[in-house]
Amino acid sequence: MEPILVIMAAGMGSRYGGNKQLDSITAEGDIIMDFSLYDAYEAGFRRVCFIIKHDFEDVFKAHIESGAGKKYEVHYAFQELSDLPEGFSVPEGRTKPFGTGQAVLAARDIIDAPFAVINADDYYGKEGFKKIYDFLTTKADATHNCMVGFEVENTLSENGTVSRGICKAKDGYLTDIVEHLKIVRETDGTVTDTLPDGSKELIPADSPVSMNLWGFGAEYMKVLEDGFKEALPVIMDSNPLKGEYYIQTPINKQIADGSATYEILTSSDKWFGVTYKEDKPDVVAKFAELKANGAYPKALWD
């Protein structure tokens, strides 16, 4: 089966202050996701599943149908707070969904082939999509998955902290990934994360990080589903109102027990994105330059 591109677009951008997934960043009305869709199509993807919320379903679908929907076989899935395994219920007072792992699980009835996962509001560049498509069509199965890594210093915002999965590797394969929630570049140029107790942890500037550009065999959906059932009791006990289940949560377990490997694909492209509203002017300028130098056509889908 043809690989599927899964785009996580359900987040409303709380730090950004609005629905950044649908915020135009070019004069032609493109959003960041359009460039990822364009790059993925060039790489070979023809099927896409968007993970969204009902809150902005109509405007989202209208945008896709006028652009990428002309090229792709399009599917939609909805991240619902109440979409929990049997025996679990939403804690009283919780309004936040259960994270990226729950988001991807929303597509479980659609995934029937190897699939890539990306964020809607990150720009990854062309090379990563080419490499991940090649991997999905030649290597991906129940025991072979992949990710595209970026150096942490190239993924920071000048306007506040960011969350990143810091990766460790050996011989080109992932050995560990730890989520850090408040990474920032200090005034002296060092990169740090603020831990829950308020202390600072130094992060080497060249540390590879996950920006949620993953490639999985179709079988990973079952792994993700089983992992959610294991993670929920811990979430409900330790942080019932805000605890999250990340897409990479089962990955460390698979690496530890040897049930799957995760090849790290390298990309020379620069990542950039909009975390805060103050990031937008720089991103707008970068996309204008990419169009001006011919990396993208003025009208992406004509």
C-alpha atoms as a PDB file:
ATOM      1  CA  MET A   1       0.000   0.000   0.000  1.00  0.00           C
ATOM      2  CA  GLU A   2       1.067   3.574  -0.647  1.00  0.00           C
ATOM      3  CA  PRO A   3       2.564   5.276   2.451  1.00  0.00           C
ATOM      4  CA  ILE A   4       0.343   7.714   4.314  1.00  0.00           C
ATOM      5  CA  LEU A   5       1.327  11.152   5.556  1.00  0.00           C
ATOM      6  CA  VAL A   6      -0.294  11.860   8.936  1.00  0.00           C
ATOM      7  CA  ILE A   7      -0.399  15.535   9.930  1.00  0.00           C
ATOM      8  CA  MET A   8      -1.135  16.479  13.531  1.00  0.00           C
ATOM      9  CA  ALA A   9      -3.152  19.684  13.265  1.00  0.00           C
ATOM     10  CA  ALA A  10      -5.486  19.467  16.258  1.00  0.00           C
ATOM     11  CA  GLY A  11      -3.483  21.795  18.501  1.00  0.00           C
ATOM     12  CA  MET A  12      -4.810  25.322  18.837  1.00  0.00           C
ATOM     13  CA  GLY A  13      -1.429  26.901  19.612  1.00  0.00           C
ATOM     14  CA  SER A  14      -1.955  28.031  23.209  1.00  0.00           C
ATOM     15  CA  ARG A  15       1.431  29.776  23.457  1.00  0.00           C
ATOM     16  CA  TYR A  16       0.960  31.324  20.036  1.00  0.00           C
ATOM     17  CA  GLY A  17      -2.398  32.744  21.024  1.00  0.00           C
ATOM     18  CA  GLY A  18      -4.626  31.314  18.310  1.00  0.00           C
ATOM     19  CA  ASN A  19      -5.006  28.714  15.601  1.00  0.00           C
ATOM     20  CA  LYS A  20      -1.551  28.989  14.063  1.00  0.00           C
ATOM     21  CA  GLN A  21      -2.216  26.017  11.764  1.00  0.00           C
ATOM     22  CA  LEU A  22      -4.481  28.242   9.643  1.00  0.00           C
ATOM     23  CA  ASP A  23      -2.528  31.489   9.905  1.00  0.00           C
ATOM     24  CA  SER A  24      -1.356  32.635   6.461  1.00  0.00           C
ATOM     25  CA  ILE A  25       2.370  33.251   6.121  1.00  0.00           C
ATOM     26  CA  THR A  26       2.535  34.264   2.419  1.00  0.00           C
ATOM     27  CA  ALA A  27       0.778  36.815   0.239  1.00  0.00           C
ATOM     28  CA  GLU A  28      -0.871  33.893  -1.589  1.00  0.00           C
ATOM     29  CA  GLY A  29      -2.529  32.662   1.621  1.00  0.00           C
ATOM     30  CA  ASP A  30      -0.279  29.640   2.209  1.00  0.00           C
ATOM     31  CA  ILE A  31       0.093  28.240   5.702  1.00  0.00           C
ATOM     32  CA  ILE A  32       3.219  26.446   6.943  1.00  0.00           C
ATOM     33  CA  MET A  33       1.588  23.055   6.435  1.00  0.00           C
ATOM     34  CA  ASP A  34       1.140  23.747   2.712  1.00  0.00           C
ATOM     35  CA  PHE A  35       4.899  23.703   2.219  1.00  0.00           C
ATOM     36  CA  SER A  36       5.212  20.357   4.000  1.00  0.00           C
ATOM     37  CA  LEU A  37       2.407  18.993   1.832  1.00  0.00           C
ATOM     38  CA  TYR A  38       4.175  20.289  -1.276  1.00  0.00           C
ATOM     39  CA  ASP A  39       7.509  18.747  -0.242  1.00  0.00           C
ATOM     40  CA  ALA A  40       5.863  15.438   0.686  1.00  0.00           C
ATOM     41  CA  TYR A  41       4.076  15.290  -2.677  1.00  0.00           C
ATOM     42  CA  GLU A  42       7.358  15.908  -4.493  1.00  0.00           C
ATOM     43  CA  ALA A  43       8.892  13.082  -2.434  1.00  0.00           C
ATOM     44  CA  GLY A  44       6.162  10.647  -3.526  1.00  0.00           C
ATOM     45  CA  PHE A  45       3.348  10.819  -0.953  1.00  0.00           C
ATOM     46  CA  ARG A  46      -0.149  10.689  -2.431  1.00  0.00           C
ATOM     47  CA  ARG A  47      -2.275   9.912   0.644  1.00  0.00           C
ATOM     48  CA  VAL A  48      -2.691  12.225   3.635  1.00  0.00           C
ATOM     49  CA  CYS A  49      -4.657  12.062   6.886  1.00  0.00           C
ATOM     50  CA  PHE A  50      -5.193  15.236   8.885  1.00  0.00           C
ATOM     51  CA  ILE A  51      -5.762  14.977  12.637  1.00  0.00           C
ATOM     52  CA  ILE A  52      -7.995  17.946  13.489  1.00  0.00           C
ATOM     53  CA  LYS A  53     -10.713  19.125  15.854  1.00  0.00           C
ATOM     54  CA  HIS A  54     -14.344  19.657  15.017  1.00  0.00           C
ATOM     55  CA  ASP A  55     -13.949  23.254  16.231  1.00  0.00           C
ATOM     56  CA  PHE A  56     -12.335  24.353  12.966  1.00  0.00           C
ATOM     57  CA  GLU A  57     -13.346  21.497  10.658  1.00  0.00           C
ATOM     58  CA  ASP A  58     -15.151  23.580   8.046  1.00  0.00           C
ATOM     59  CA  VAL A  59     -12.499  26.255   7.572  1.00  0.00           C
ATOM     60  CA  PHE A  60      -9.719  23.649   7.600  1.00  0.00           C
ATOM     61  CA  LYS A  61     -11.378  21.481   4.972  1.00  0.00           C
ATOM     62  CA  ALA A  62     -12.100  24.533   2.809  1.00  0.00           C
ATOM     63  CA  HIS A  63      -8.406  25.421   2.834  1.00  0.00           C
ATOM     64  CA  ILE A  64      -7.314  21.889   1.907  1.00  0.00           C
ATOM     65  CA  GLU A  65      -9.911  21.465  -0.828  1.00  0.00           C
ATOM     66  CA  SER A  66      -8.747  24.650  -2.529  1.00  0.00           C
ATOM     67  CA  GLY A  67      -5.123  23.520  -2.520  1.00  0.00           C
ATOM     68  CA  ALA A  68      -3.478  20.211  -1.621  1.00  0.00           C
ATOM     69  CA  GLY A  69      -6.791  18.382  -1.912  1.00  0.00           C
ATOM     70  CA  LYS A  70      -6.489  18.765  -5.682  1.00  0.00           C
ATOM     71  CA  LYS A  71      -3.475  16.422  -5.588  1.00  0.00           C
ATOM     72  CA  TYR A  72      -3.889  14.132  -2.592  1.00  0.00           C
ATOM     73  CA  GLU A  73      -6.241  11.384  -1.505  1.00  0.00           C
ATOM     74  CA  VAL A  74      -7.439  13.115   1.659  1.00  0.00           C
ATOM     75  CA  HIS A  75      -8.688  11.652   4.938  1.00  0.00           C
ATOM     76  CA  TYR A  76      -9.660  13.310   8.219  1.00  0.00           C
ATOM     77  CA  ALA A  77      -9.613  12.042  11.779  1.00  0.00           C
ATOM     78  CA  PHE A  78     -10.597  13.903  14.931  1.00  0.00           C
ATOM     79  CA  GLN A  79      -8.745  14.055  18.224  1.00  0.00           C
ATOM     80  CA  GLU A  80     -11.381  13.826  20.928  1.00  0.00           C
ATOM     81  CA  LEU A  81     -10.626  14.259  24.623  1.00  0.00           C
ATOM     82  CA  SER A  82     -13.018  11.395  25.378  1.00  0.00           C
ATOM     83  CA  ASP A  83     -11.371   8.942  22.936  1.00  0.00           C
ATOM     84  CA  LEU A  84      -9.992   6.663  25.644  1.00  0.00           C
ATOM     85  CA  PRO A  85      -9.600   2.875  25.977  1.00  0.00           C
ATOM     86  CA  GLU A  86     -12.367   0.925  27.634  1.00  0.00           C
ATOM     87  CA  GLY A  87     -12.329   1.332  31.393  1.00  0.00           C
ATOM     88  CA  PHE A  88     -11.028   4.918  31.395  1.00  0.00           C
ATOM     89  CA  SER A  89     -12.903   8.196  31.584  1.00  0.00           C
ATOM     90  CA  VAL A  90     -11.927  11.854  31.338  1.00  0.00           C
ATOM     91  CA  PRO A  91     -10.914  13.251  34.759  1.00  0.00           C
ATOM     92  CA  GLU A  92     -13.248  15.924  36.074  1.00  0.00           C
ATOM     93  CA  GLY A  93     -11.943  19.354  35.121  1.00  0.00           C
ATOM     94  CA  ARG A  94      -9.673  18.185  32.307  1.00  0.00           C
ATOM     95  CA  THR A  95     -10.023  20.132  29.034  1.00  0.00           C
ATOM     96  CA  LYS A  96      -6.691  19.320  27.352  1.00  0.00           C
ATOM     97  CA  PRO A  97      -6.406  16.276  25.038  1.00  0.00           C
ATOM     98  CA  PHE A  98      -3.942  13.553  25.987  1.00  0.00           C
ATOM     99  CA  GLY A  99      -1.089  14.490  23.653  1.00  0.00           C
ATOM    100  CA  THR A 100       0.414  13.476  20.340  1.00  0.00           C
ATOM    101  CA  GLY A 101       0.059   9.754  20.979  1.00  0.00           C
ATOM    102  CA  GLN A 102      -3.696  10.098  21.383  1.00  0.00           C
ATOM    103  CA  ALA A 103      -3.781  12.361  18.312  1.00  0.00           C
ATOM    104  CA  VAL A 104      -2.194   9.765  16.027  1.00  0.00           C
ATOM    105  CA  LEU A 105      -4.423   7.028  17.455  1.00  0.00           C
ATOM    106  CA  ALA A 106      -7.380   8.969  16.082  1.00  0.00           C
ATOM    107  CA  ALA A 107      -6.280   7.749  12.637  1.00  0.00           C
ATOM    108  CA  ARG A 108      -6.230   4.055  13.611  1.00  0.00           C
ATOM    109  CA  ASP A 109      -9.112   3.140  11.292  1.00  0.00           C
ATOM    110  CA  ILE A 110      -7.374   4.827   8.348  1.00  0.00           C
ATOM    111  CA  ILE A 111      -3.799   3.592   8.703  1.00  0.00           C
ATOM    112  CA  ASP A 112      -3.322   0.486   6.559  1.00  0.00           C
ATOM    113  CA  ALA A 113       0.236   1.076   5.354  1.00  0.00           C
ATOM    114  CA  PRO A 114       3.579   2.497   6.529  1.00  0.00           C
ATOM    115  CA  PHE A 115       3.068   6.084   7.603  1.00  0.00           C
ATOM    116  CA  ALA A 116       4.930   9.281   8.369  1.00  0.00           C
ATOM    117  CA  VAL A 117       3.889  11.679  11.128  1.00  0.00           C
ATOM    118  CA  ILE A 118       4.545  15.418  11.164  1.00  0.00           C
ATOM    119  CA  ASN A 119       3.399  18.541  12.991  1.00  0.00           C
ATOM    120  CA  ALA A 120       1.225  20.964  11.040  1.00  0.00           C
ATOM    121  CA  ASP A 121       3.109  24.028  12.239  1.00  0.00           C
ATOM    122  CA  ASP A 122       6.734  23.033  11.553  1.00  0.00           C
ATOM    123  CA  TYR A 123       8.734  23.495   8.353  1.00  0.00           C
ATOM    124  CA  TYR A 124      11.052  20.532   7.840  1.00  0.00           C
ATOM    125  CA  GLY A 125      12.560  21.111   4.386  1.00  0.00           C
ATOM    126  CA  LYS A 126      12.581  18.851   1.349  1.00  0.00           C
ATOM    127  CA  GLU A 127      15.334  16.378   2.179  1.00  0.00           C
ATOM    128  CA  GLY A 128      13.640  14.843   5.203  1.00  0.00           C
ATOM    129  CA  PHE A 129      10.511  13.967   3.233  1.00  0.00           C
ATOM    130  CA  LYS A 130      12.530  12.342   0.462  1.00  0.00           C
ATOM    131  CA  LYS A 131      14.454  10.204   2.916  1.00  0.00           C
ATOM    132  CA  ILE A 132      11.436   9.203   4.969  1.00  0.00           C
ATOM    133  CA  TYR A 133       9.402   8.277   1.861  1.00  0.00           C
ATOM    134  CA  ASP A 134      12.264   6.082   0.626  1.00  0.00           C
ATOM    135  CA  PHE A 135      12.465   4.429   4.041  1.00  0.00           C
ATOM    136  CA  LEU A 136       8.721   3.771   4.200  1.00  0.00           C
ATOM    137  CA  THR A 137       8.689   2.190   0.748  1.00  0.00           C
ATOM    138  CA  THR A 138      11.759  -0.006   1.246  1.00  0.00           C
ATOM    139  CA  LYS A 139      12.444  -0.708   4.942  1.00  0.00           C
ATOM    140  CA  ALA A 140       9.525   0.044   7.239  1.00  0.00           C
ATOM    141  CA  ASP A 141       7.836  -2.890   8.941  1.00  0.00           C
ATOM    142  CA  ALA A 142       6.947  -4.078  12.432  1.00  0.00           C
ATOM    143  CA  THR A 143      10.573  -3.896  13.595  1.00  0.00           C
ATOM    144  CA  HIS A 144      12.071  -1.081  11.493  1.00  0.00           C
ATOM    145  CA  ASN A 145      11.046   2.544  11.992  1.00  0.00           C
ATOM    146  CA  CYS A 146      12.800   5.877  11.573  1.00  0.00           C
ATOM    147  CA  MET A 147      12.972   9.544  12.476  1.00  0.00           C
ATOM    148  CA  VAL A 148      14.519  12.688  11.029  1.00  0.00           C
ATOM    149  CA  GLY A 149      16.586  14.575  13.603  1.00  0.00           C
ATOM    150  CA  PHE A 150      17.532  18.249  13.842  1.00  0.00           C
ATOM    151  CA  GLU A 151      20.198  19.928  15.974  1.00  0.00           C
ATOM    152  CA  VAL A 152      18.535  21.504  18.984  1.00  0.00           C
ATOM    153  CA  GLU A 153      20.227  24.882  18.430  1.00  0.00           C
ATOM    154  CA  ASN A 154      18.494  25.107  15.038  1.00  0.00           C
ATOM    155  CA  THR A 155      15.021  24.567  16.523  1.00  0.00           C
ATOM    156  CA  LEU A 156      14.809  27.304  19.155  1.00  0.00           C
ATOM    157  CA  SER A 157      12.619  30.386  19.383  1.00  0.00           C
ATOM    158  CA  GLU A 158      14.057  33.761  20.280  1.00  0.00           C
ATOM    159  CA  ASN A 159      10.754  34.591  21.963  1.00  0.00           C
ATOM    160  CA  GLY A 160      10.327  31.936  24.641  1.00  0.00           C
ATOM    161  CA  THR A 161      10.832  28.325  25.670  1.00  0.00           C
ATOM    162  CA  VAL A 162      10.103  25.296  23.458  1.00  0.00           C
ATOM    163  CA  SER A 163       9.431  21.608  24.056  1.00  0.00           C
ATOM    164  CA  ARG A 164      11.778  19.146  22.365  1.00  0.00           C
ATOM    165  CA  GLY A 165      12.516  15.430  22.505  1.00  0.00           C
ATOM    166  CA  ILE A 166      16.282  15.153  23.067  1.00  0.00           C
ATOM    167  CA  CYS A 167      17.710  12.071  21.348  1.00  0.00           C
ATOM    168  CA  LYS A 168      20.703   9.863  21.990  1.00  0.00           C
ATOM    169  CA  ALA A 169      22.097   7.667  19.227  1.00  0.00           C
ATOM    170  CA  LYS A 170      24.584   4.898  18.497  1.00  0.00           C
ATOM    171  CA  ASP A 171      25.718   3.843  15.019  1.00  0.00           C
ATOM    172  CA  GLY A 172      22.944   5.854  13.412  1.00  0.00           C
ATOM    173  CA  TYR A 173      20.142   4.381  15.521  1.00  0.00           C
ATOM    174  CA  LEU A 174      18.122   5.957  18.307  1.00  0.00           C
ATOM    175  CA  THR A 175      18.970   4.670  21.786  1.00  0.00           C
ATOM    176  CA  ASP A 176      16.912   7.018  23.958  1.00  0.00           C
ATOM    177  CA  ILE A 177      14.597  10.026  23.727  1.00  0.00           C
ATOM    178  CA  VAL A 178      13.599  12.278  26.617  1.00  0.00           C
ATOM    179  CA  GLU A 179      11.026  15.057  26.422  1.00  0.00           C
ATOM    180  CA  HIS A 180      12.276  18.441  27.661  1.00  0.00           C
ATOM    181  CA  LEU A 181       9.558  21.037  28.109  1.00  0.00           C
ATOM    182  CA  LYS A 182      11.270  24.408  28.652  1.00  0.00           C
ATOM    183  CA  ILE A 183      14.307  24.646  26.393  1.00  0.00           C
ATOM    184  CA  VAL A 184      15.719  28.098  25.712  1.00  0.00           C
ATOM    185  CA  ARG A 185      18.914  29.778  24.529  1.00  0.00           C
ATOM    186  CA  GLU A 186      20.379  31.770  27.407  1.00  0.00           C
ATOM    187  CA  THR A 187      21.946  35.216  27.003  1.00  0.00           C
ATOM    188  CA  ASP A 188      25.412  33.637  27.120  1.00  0.00           C
ATOM    189  CA  GLY A 189      24.533  31.411  24.145  1.00  0.00           C
ATOM    190  CA  THR A 190      24.150  28.152  26.052  1.00  0.00           C
ATOM    191  CA  VAL A 191      21.051  26.004  25.657  1.00  0.00           C
ATOM    192  CA  THR A 192      19.244  24.941  28.832  1.00  0.00           C
ATOM    193  CA  ASP A 193      16.075  23.240  30.009  1.00  0.00           C
ATOM    194  CA  THR A 194      14.265  24.270  33.191  1.00  0.00           C
ATOM    195  CA  LEU A 195      13.386  21.176  35.220  1.00  0.00           C
ATOM    196  CA  PRO A 196      10.205  20.804  37.309  1.00  0.00           C
ATOM    197  CA  ASP A 197      12.120  21.744  40.476  1.00  0.00           C
ATOM    198  CA  GLY A 198      13.272  25.007  38.863  1.00  0.00           C
ATOM    199  CA  SER A 199      16.875  23.969  38.307  1.00  0.00           C
ATOM    200  CA  LYS A 200      18.623  24.358  34.943  1.00  0.00           C
ATOM    201  CA  GLU A 201      19.991  21.485  32.838  1.00  0.00           C
ATOM    202  CA  LEU A 202      22.591  22.237  30.163  1.00  0.00           C
ATOM    203  CA  ILE A 203      21.685  20.844  26.731  1.00  0.00           C
ATOM    204  CA  PRO A 204      24.592  20.454  24.248  1.00  0.00           C
ATOM    205  CA  ALA A 205      23.824  22.724  21.282  1.00  0.00           C
ATOM    206  CA  ASP A 206      24.390  19.932  18.758  1.00  0.00           C
ATOM    207  CA  SER A 207      22.074  17.464  20.497  1.00  0.00           C
ATOM    208  CA  PRO A 208      19.747  15.792  17.971  1.00  0.00           C
ATOM    209  CA  VAL A 209      16.085  16.433  18.688  1.00  0.00           C
ATOM    210  CA  SER A 210      12.829  14.992  17.463  1.00  0.00           C
ATOM    211  CA  MET A 211      10.550  17.490  15.758  1.00  0.00           C
ATOM    212  CA  ASN A 212       7.928  14.777  15.261  1.00  0.00           C
ATOM    213  CA  LEU A 213       9.070  13.768  11.793  1.00  0.00           C
ATOM    214  CA  TRP A 214       8.646  10.021  12.234  1.00  0.00           C
ATOM    215  CA  GLY A 215       8.307   7.035   9.928  1.00  0.00           C
ATOM    216  CA  PHE A 216       6.567   3.853  11.097  1.00  0.00           C
ATOM    217  CA  GLY A 217       5.442   0.516   9.815  1.00  0.00           C
ATOM    218  CA  ALA A 218       1.657   0.167   9.933  1.00  0.00           C
ATOM    219  CA  GLU A 219       2.109  -2.148  12.913  1.00  0.00           C
ATOM    220  CA  TYR A 220       3.186   0.759  15.122  1.00  0.00           C
ATOM    221  CA  MET A 221      -0.446   1.807  15.476  1.00  0.00           C
ATOM    222  CA  LYS A 222      -1.076  -1.299  17.619  1.00  0.00           C
ATOM    223  CA  VAL A 223       2.060  -0.531  19.665  1.00  0.00           C
ATOM    224  CA  LEU A 224       0.803   3.011  20.215  1.00  0.00           C
ATOM    225  CA  GLU A 225      -2.633   1.735  21.236  1.00  0.00           C
ATOM    226  CA  ASP A 226      -1.232  -0.748  23.756  1.00  0.00           C
ATOM    227  CA  GLY A 227       1.129   1.898  25.117  1.00  0.00           C
ATOM    228  CA  PHE A 228      -1.766   4.274  25.743  1.00  0.00           C
ATOM    229  CA  LYS A 229      -3.449   1.700  27.953  1.00  0.00           C
ATOM    230  CA  GLU A 230      -0.228   1.328  29.940  1.00  0.00           C
ATOM    231  CA  ALA A 231       0.423   5.067  30.218  1.00  0.00           C
ATOM    232  CA  LEU A 232      -3.054   6.193  31.270  1.00  0.00           C
ATOM    233  CA  PRO A 233      -2.980   4.833  34.839  1.00  0.00           C
ATOM    234  CA  VAL A 234       0.246   6.762  35.462  1.00  0.00           C
ATOM    235  CA  ILE A 235      -1.193   9.930  33.911  1.00  0.00           C
ATOM    236  CA  MET A 236      -4.415   9.639  35.907  1.00  0.00           C
ATOM    237  CA  ASP A 237      -2.474   9.180  39.128  1.00  0.00           C
ATOM    238  CA  SER A 238       0.330  11.720  38.693  1.00  0.00           C
ATOM    239  CA  ASN A 239      -1.104  14.512  36.528  1.00  0.00           C
ATOM    240  CA  PRO A 240      -4.746  13.866  35.626  1.00  0.00           C
ATOM    241  CA  LEU A 241      -5.498  17.364  34.300  1.00  0.00           C
ATOM    242  CA  LYS A 242      -2.433  17.964  32.130  1.00  0.00           C
ATOM    243  CA  GLY A 243      -0.461  14.712  31.760  1.00  0.00           C
ATOM    244  CA  GLU A 244       0.232  13.693  28.152  1.00  0.00           C
ATOM    245  CA  TYR A 245       0.860  10.555  26.152  1.00  0.00           C
ATOM    246  CA  TYR A 246       3.506  11.321  23.533  1.00  0.00           C
ATOM    247  CA  ILE A 247       3.814   9.525  20.230  1.00  0.00           C
ATOM    248  CA  GLN A 248       7.336   8.529  21.230  1.00  0.00           C
ATOM    249  CA  THR A 249       6.381   7.131  24.642  1.00  0.00           C
ATOM    250  CA  PRO A 250       6.460   3.455  23.519  1.00  0.00           C
ATOM    251  CA  ILE A 251       9.635   3.981  21.495  1.00  0.00           C
ATOM    252  CA  ASN A 252      12.086   3.792  24.402  1.00  0.00           C
ATOM    253  CA  LYS A 253      10.399   0.582  25.542  1.00  0.00           C
ATOM    254  CA  GLN A 254      10.758  -0.947  22.070  1.00  0.00           C
ATOM    255  CA  ILE A 255      14.410   0.060  21.936  1.00  0.00           C
ATOM    256  CA  ALA A 256      15.055  -1.342  25.404  1.00  0.00           C
ATOM    257  CA  ASP A 257      13.429  -4.716  24.738  1.00  0.00           C
ATOM    258  CA  GLY A 258      14.796  -4.974  21.190  1.00  0.00           C
ATOM    259  CA  SER A 259      11.398  -5.290  19.525  1.00  0.00           C
ATOM    260  CA  ALA A 260      12.103  -2.484  17.047  1.00  0.00           C
ATOM    261  CA  THR A 261      14.897  -0.242  15.798  1.00  0.00           C
ATOM    262  CA  TYR A 262      14.697   3.466  14.936  1.00  0.00           C
ATOM    263  CA  GLU A 263      17.074   4.635  12.253  1.00  0.00           C
ATOM    264  CA  ILE A 264      17.990   8.314  12.476  1.00  0.00           C
ATOM    265  CA  LEU A 265      17.841   9.942   9.054  1.00  0.00           C
ATOM    266  CA  THR A 266      19.970  13.057   8.689  1.00  0.00           C
ATOM    267  CA  SER A 267      18.834  16.197   6.899  1.00  0.00           C
ATOM    268  CA  SER A 268      20.893  19.249   6.002  1.00  0.00           C
ATOM    269  CA  ASP A 269      17.745  21.395   5.764  1.00  0.00           C
ATOM    270  CA  LYS A 270      16.970  24.020   8.391  1.00  0.00           C
ATOM    271  CA  TRP A 271      13.872  23.608  10.526  1.00  0.00           C
ATOM    272  CA  PHE A 272      11.793  26.617  11.421  1.00  0.00           C
ATOM    273  CA  GLY A 273       8.347  27.260  12.793  1.00  0.00           C
ATOM    274  CA  VAL A 274       6.034  29.579  14.684  1.00  0.00           C
ATOM    275  CA  THR A 275       5.715  28.914  18.390  1.00  0.00           C
ATOM    276  CA  TYR A 276       4.909  32.480  19.415  1.00  0.00           C
ATOM    277  CA  LYS A 277       3.302  35.344  17.496  1.00  0.00           C
ATOM    278  CA  GLU A 278       6.610  37.179  17.681  1.00  0.00           C
ATOM    279  CA  ASP A 279       8.185  34.395  15.562  1.00  0.00           C
ATOM    280  CA  LYS A 280       5.906  35.108  12.612  1.00  0.00           C
ATOM    281  CA  PRO A 281       7.706  38.043  10.897  1.00  0.00           C
ATOM    282  CA  ASP A 282      10.917  36.025  10.554  1.00  0.00           C
ATOM    283  CA  VAL A 283       9.018  32.999   9.204  1.00  0.00           C
ATOM    284  CA  VAL A 284       7.131  35.164   6.699  1.00  0.00           C
ATOM    285  CA  ALA A 285      10.444  36.553   5.454  1.00  0.00           C
ATOM    286  CA  LYS A 286      11.965  33.075   5.117  1.00  0.00           C
ATOM    287  CA  PHE A 287       9.089  31.739   3.024  1.00  0.00           C
ATOM    288  CA  ALA A 288       9.143  34.849   0.834  1.00  0.00           C
ATOM    289  CA  GLU A 289      12.829  34.207   0.199  1.00  0.00           C
ATOM    290  CA  LEU A 290      12.211  30.524  -0.607  1.00  0.00           C
ATOM    291  CA  LYS A 291       9.636  31.497  -3.222  1.00  0.00           C
ATOM    292  CA  ALA A 292      11.840  34.273  -4.596  1.00  0.00           C
ATOM    293  CA  ASN A 293      14.803  31.928  -5.104  1.00  0.00           C
ATOM    294  CA  GLY A 294      12.666  29.330  -6.886  1.00  0.00           C
ATOM    295  CA  ALA A 295      12.508  26.674  -4.189  1.00  0.00           C
ATOM    296  CA  TYR A 296       8.702  26.888  -4.456  1.00  0.00           C
ATOM    297  CA  PRO A 297       6.363  28.254  -7.116  1.00  0.00           C
ATOM    298  CA  LYS A 298       4.350  31.378  -6.361  1.00  0.00           C
ATOM    299  CA  ALA A 299       1.122  29.319  -6.439  1.00  0.00           C
ATOM    300  CA  LEU A 300       1.839  25.936  -4.849  1.00  0.00           C
ATOM    301  CA  TRP A 301      -1.090  23.941  -6.242  1.00  0.00           C
ATOM    302  CA  ASP A 302      -1.774  25.397  -9.698  1.00  0.00           C
END
